[in-house]
Amino acid sequence: YKDARSGGVGAFTVDNFPVFDYFRPNLYGIFDSNHGYKMIGVGKEVAAVLVGEHSRLLYPFRFERFATGDLHPVSSSPYPWS
């Protein structure tokens, strides 16, 4: 690990977990909270949601969790995503 400027902008959610949800009837957002390497398996689940199925795997990552206070637990790991 080297602490150096990368020129990029990192975007994080309050609980450091991604958001997968509809924001408008024709707008589905996939926001990864700056650690996209874990996103590889999300495509199949999102595709199912887009054709009208429910995904219990994506449910915990809905945008509404911020309004309801149903956030993910805080990790004591030095890495906020684990």
C-alpha atoms as a PDB file:
ATOM      1  CA  TYR A   1       0.000   0.000   0.000  1.00  0.00           C
ATOM      2  CA  LYS A   2       1.268   3.431  -0.916  1.00  0.00           C
ATOM      3  CA  ASP A   3      -0.448   6.603   0.249  1.00  0.00           C
ATOM      4  CA  ALA A   4      -0.352   8.691  -2.912  1.00  0.00           C
ATOM      5  CA  ARG A   5      -2.693  10.901  -4.887  1.00  0.00           C
ATOM      6  CA  SER A   6      -4.544   8.980  -7.544  1.00  0.00           C
ATOM      7  CA  GLY A   7      -6.430  11.791  -9.230  1.00  0.00           C
ATOM      8  CA  GLY A   8      -9.722   9.994  -8.788  1.00  0.00           C
ATOM      9  CA  VAL A   9     -12.726  10.800  -6.684  1.00  0.00           C
ATOM     10  CA  GLY A  10     -14.019   8.146  -4.321  1.00  0.00           C
ATOM     11  CA  ALA A  11     -17.695   8.135  -3.468  1.00  0.00           C
ATOM     12  CA  PHE A  12     -18.870   6.375  -0.325  1.00  0.00           C
ATOM     13  CA  THR A  13     -22.256   5.755   1.201  1.00  0.00           C
ATOM     14  CA  VAL A  14     -22.804   6.401   4.904  1.00  0.00           C
ATOM     15  CA  ASP A  15     -22.469   2.694   5.743  1.00  0.00           C
ATOM     16  CA  ASN A  16     -19.777   2.003   3.094  1.00  0.00           C
ATOM     17  CA  PHE A  17     -21.962  -0.489   1.231  1.00  0.00           C
ATOM     18  CA  PRO A  18     -23.313  -0.217  -2.322  1.00  0.00           C
ATOM     19  CA  VAL A  19     -26.823   0.780  -3.336  1.00  0.00           C
ATOM     20  CA  PHE A  20     -28.894  -1.166  -5.885  1.00  0.00           C
ATOM     21  CA  ASP A  21     -32.372   0.249  -6.359  1.00  0.00           C
ATOM     22  CA  TYR A  22     -34.928   1.986  -8.557  1.00  0.00           C
ATOM     23  CA  PHE A  23     -34.855   5.773  -8.322  1.00  0.00           C
ATOM     24  CA  ARG A  24     -37.526   6.412 -10.946  1.00  0.00           C
ATOM     25  CA  PRO A  25     -39.759   3.974 -12.844  1.00  0.00           C
ATOM     26  CA  ASN A  26     -37.205   3.860 -15.675  1.00  0.00           C
ATOM     27  CA  LEU A  27     -34.006   4.478 -13.663  1.00  0.00           C
ATOM     28  CA  TYR A  28     -32.241   1.690 -11.782  1.00  0.00           C
ATOM     29  CA  GLY A  29     -29.056   2.725 -10.011  1.00  0.00           C
ATOM     30  CA  ILE A  30     -26.014   0.589  -9.297  1.00  0.00           C
ATOM     31  CA  PHE A  31     -23.786   2.612  -6.979  1.00  0.00           C
ATOM     32  CA  ASP A  32     -20.764   0.718  -5.694  1.00  0.00           C
ATOM     33  CA  SER A  33     -19.453   2.864  -2.791  1.00  0.00           C
ATOM     34  CA  ASN A  34     -15.942   2.905  -4.280  1.00  0.00           C
ATOM     35  CA  HIS A  35     -15.093  -0.801  -4.219  1.00  0.00           C
ATOM     36  CA  GLY A  36     -16.259  -2.110  -7.559  1.00  0.00           C
ATOM     37  CA  TYR A  37     -14.169  -5.272  -7.465  1.00  0.00           C
ATOM     38  CA  LYS A  38     -17.018  -6.935  -5.553  1.00  0.00           C
ATOM     39  CA  MET A  39     -19.562  -6.009  -8.225  1.00  0.00           C
ATOM     40  CA  ILE A  40     -18.849  -8.856 -10.640  1.00  0.00           C
ATOM     41  CA  GLY A  41     -21.688 -11.059  -9.347  1.00  0.00           C
ATOM     42  CA  VAL A  42     -24.308  -8.318  -9.225  1.00  0.00           C
ATOM     43  CA  GLY A  43     -25.243  -8.290 -12.928  1.00  0.00           C
ATOM     44  CA  LYS A  44     -27.338 -11.455 -12.880  1.00  0.00           C
ATOM     45  CA  GLU A  45     -29.309 -10.297  -9.835  1.00  0.00           C
ATOM     46  CA  VAL A  46     -29.920  -6.834 -11.290  1.00  0.00           C
ATOM     47  CA  ALA A  47     -31.028  -8.355 -14.605  1.00  0.00           C
ATOM     48  CA  ALA A  48     -33.631 -10.431 -12.751  1.00  0.00           C
ATOM     49  CA  VAL A  49     -34.936  -7.329 -10.954  1.00  0.00           C
ATOM     50  CA  LEU A  50     -35.157  -5.410 -14.221  1.00  0.00           C
ATOM     51  CA  VAL A  51     -37.509  -8.037 -15.666  1.00  0.00           C
ATOM     52  CA  GLY A  52     -39.772  -7.892 -12.609  1.00  0.00           C
ATOM     53  CA  GLU A  53     -38.363 -10.523 -10.265  1.00  0.00           C
ATOM     54  CA  HIS A  54     -37.512  -9.914  -6.607  1.00  0.00           C
ATOM     55  CA  SER A  55     -33.960 -10.384  -5.350  1.00  0.00           C
ATOM     56  CA  ARG A  56     -33.563 -11.157  -1.672  1.00  0.00           C
ATOM     57  CA  LEU A  57     -29.797 -10.762  -2.158  1.00  0.00           C
ATOM     58  CA  LEU A  58     -30.123  -7.155  -3.336  1.00  0.00           C
ATOM     59  CA  TYR A  59     -32.849  -6.189  -0.847  1.00  0.00           C
ATOM     60  CA  PRO A  60     -30.391  -5.193   1.937  1.00  0.00           C
ATOM     61  CA  PHE A  61     -28.752  -2.756  -0.493  1.00  0.00           C
ATOM     62  CA  ARG A  62     -31.861  -0.717  -1.346  1.00  0.00           C
ATOM     63  CA  PHE A  63     -31.641   3.076  -1.101  1.00  0.00           C
ATOM     64  CA  GLU A  64     -34.510   3.205   1.394  1.00  0.00           C
ATOM     65  CA  ARG A  65     -32.249   1.768   4.118  1.00  0.00           C
ATOM     66  CA  PHE A  66     -30.881   5.260   4.784  1.00  0.00           C
ATOM     67  CA  ALA A  67     -34.348   6.701   5.464  1.00  0.00           C
ATOM     68  CA  THR A  68     -35.414   3.762   7.641  1.00  0.00           C
ATOM     69  CA  GLY A  69     -32.112   3.500   9.532  1.00  0.00           C
ATOM     70  CA  ASP A  70     -31.677  -0.109   8.427  1.00  0.00           C
ATOM     71  CA  LEU A  71     -27.959   0.335   7.747  1.00  0.00           C
ATOM     72  CA  HIS A  72     -25.368  -2.396   7.570  1.00  0.00           C
ATOM     73  CA  PRO A  73     -23.367  -3.124  10.717  1.00  0.00           C
ATOM     74  CA  VAL A  74     -20.177  -1.167  11.285  1.00  0.00           C
ATOM     75  CA  SER A  75     -17.048  -3.256  10.832  1.00  0.00           C
ATOM     76  CA  SER A  76     -14.087  -3.109  13.191  1.00  0.00           C
ATOM     77  CA  SER A  77     -11.873  -4.069  10.267  1.00  0.00           C
ATOM     78  CA  PRO A  78      -9.415  -1.501   8.912  1.00  0.00           C
ATOM     79  CA  TYR A  79     -11.236  -1.959   5.603  1.00  0.00           C
ATOM     80  CA  PRO A  80     -14.737  -0.406   5.663  1.00  0.00           C
ATOM     81  CA  TRP A  81     -16.209  -2.872   3.153  1.00  0.00           C
ATOM     82  CA  SER A  82     -15.455  -6.057   5.113  1.00  0.00           C
END
